[in-house]
């Protein structure tokens, strides 16, 4: 069964990070996932212009970390 057929079981708040310059994952995946999940859970979608696939080692890594910490504080 494809993964998109199982998305309806996700009920927990979800953090989605979409790097704009990702070389491996289509840049439309993050927004589409956020749109799909927003009807069933809280979605925190973050778009990072010019960020590569491995964001933690990029200039946007600090921004990603800050956004993730803020998300975790919000849900816990």
Protein backbone atom coordinates (compact mmCIF):
# COMPACT_ATOMS: atom_id res chain seq x y z
CA UNK A 1 0.00 0.00 0.00
CA UNK A 2 1.47 3.42 -0.93
CA UNK A 3 2.34 5.72 1.96
CA UNK A 4 -0.20 8.36 0.93
CA UNK A 5 -2.95 5.81 1.60
CA UNK A 6 -1.83 5.64 5.25
CA UNK A 7 -1.64 9.37 5.99
CA UNK A 8 -5.12 9.36 7.50
CA UNK A 9 -3.80 7.63 10.64
CA UNK A 10 -1.60 10.62 11.57
CA UNK A 11 -3.33 12.52 14.37
CA UNK A 12 -0.33 14.02 16.19
CA UNK A 13 0.82 17.60 15.54
CA UNK A 14 3.21 17.47 12.60
CA UNK A 15 6.25 19.58 11.71
CA UNK A 16 7.09 19.74 8.00
CA UNK A 17 10.29 21.35 6.74
CA UNK A 18 10.66 21.92 3.00
CA UNK A 19 14.07 23.00 1.74
CA UNK A 20 13.68 24.90 -1.53
CA UNK A 21 16.92 23.66 -3.11
CA UNK A 22 16.46 20.00 -2.16
CA UNK A 23 18.27 17.85 -4.71
CA UNK A 24 16.50 14.61 -3.72
CA UNK A 25 12.88 15.40 -2.86
CA UNK A 26 10.49 17.28 -5.14
CA UNK A 27 9.81 20.72 -3.65
CA UNK A 28 6.05 20.22 -4.03
CA UNK A 29 5.99 17.32 -1.56
CA UNK A 30 6.05 19.45 1.62
CA UNK A 31 3.14 21.74 0.69
CA UNK A 32 1.08 18.82 -0.59
CA UNK A 33 1.70 16.88 2.61
CA UNK A 34 0.74 19.90 4.72
CA UNK A 35 -2.46 20.35 2.71
CA UNK A 36 -3.35 16.68 3.12
CA UNK A 37 -2.73 16.61 6.87
CA UNK A 38 -4.27 19.96 7.83
CA UNK A 39 -7.78 18.49 7.87
CA UNK A 40 -6.88 15.93 10.52
CA UNK A 41 -4.17 17.46 12.72
CA UNK A 42 -2.21 20.61 13.52
CA UNK A 43 0.44 21.18 10.86
CA UNK A 44 3.43 23.45 11.26
CA UNK A 45 4.78 23.90 7.72
CA UNK A 46 8.10 25.68 7.18
CA UNK A 47 9.63 26.60 3.84
CA UNK A 48 13.35 27.36 3.67
CA UNK A 49 14.43 29.18 0.48
CA UNK A 50 17.81 28.12 -0.89
CA UNK A 51 18.21 25.33 1.69
CA UNK A 52 19.64 22.01 0.45
CA UNK A 53 18.46 18.50 1.32
CA UNK A 54 20.78 18.28 4.35
CA UNK A 55 19.60 21.43 6.07
CA UNK A 56 21.32 20.85 9.40
CA UNK A 57 24.71 21.57 7.81
CA UNK A 58 23.51 24.53 5.76
CA UNK A 59 23.22 28.22 6.66
CA UNK A 60 19.49 27.54 7.27
CA UNK A 61 20.29 24.89 9.89
CA UNK A 62 20.00 27.32 12.80
CA UNK A 63 16.63 28.58 11.57
CA UNK A 64 15.41 24.99 11.24
CA UNK A 65 16.55 24.20 14.80
CA UNK A 66 14.84 27.31 16.18
CA UNK A 67 11.60 26.51 14.34
CA UNK A 68 11.67 22.92 15.57
CA UNK A 69 12.26 23.97 19.18
CA UNK A 70 9.36 26.45 18.96
CA UNK A 71 7.13 23.69 17.54
CA UNK A 72 8.09 21.28 20.34
CA UNK A 73 7.40 23.93 22.99
CA UNK A 74 3.99 24.53 21.42
CA UNK A 75 2.93 20.86 21.44
CA UNK A 76 4.41 19.76 24.79
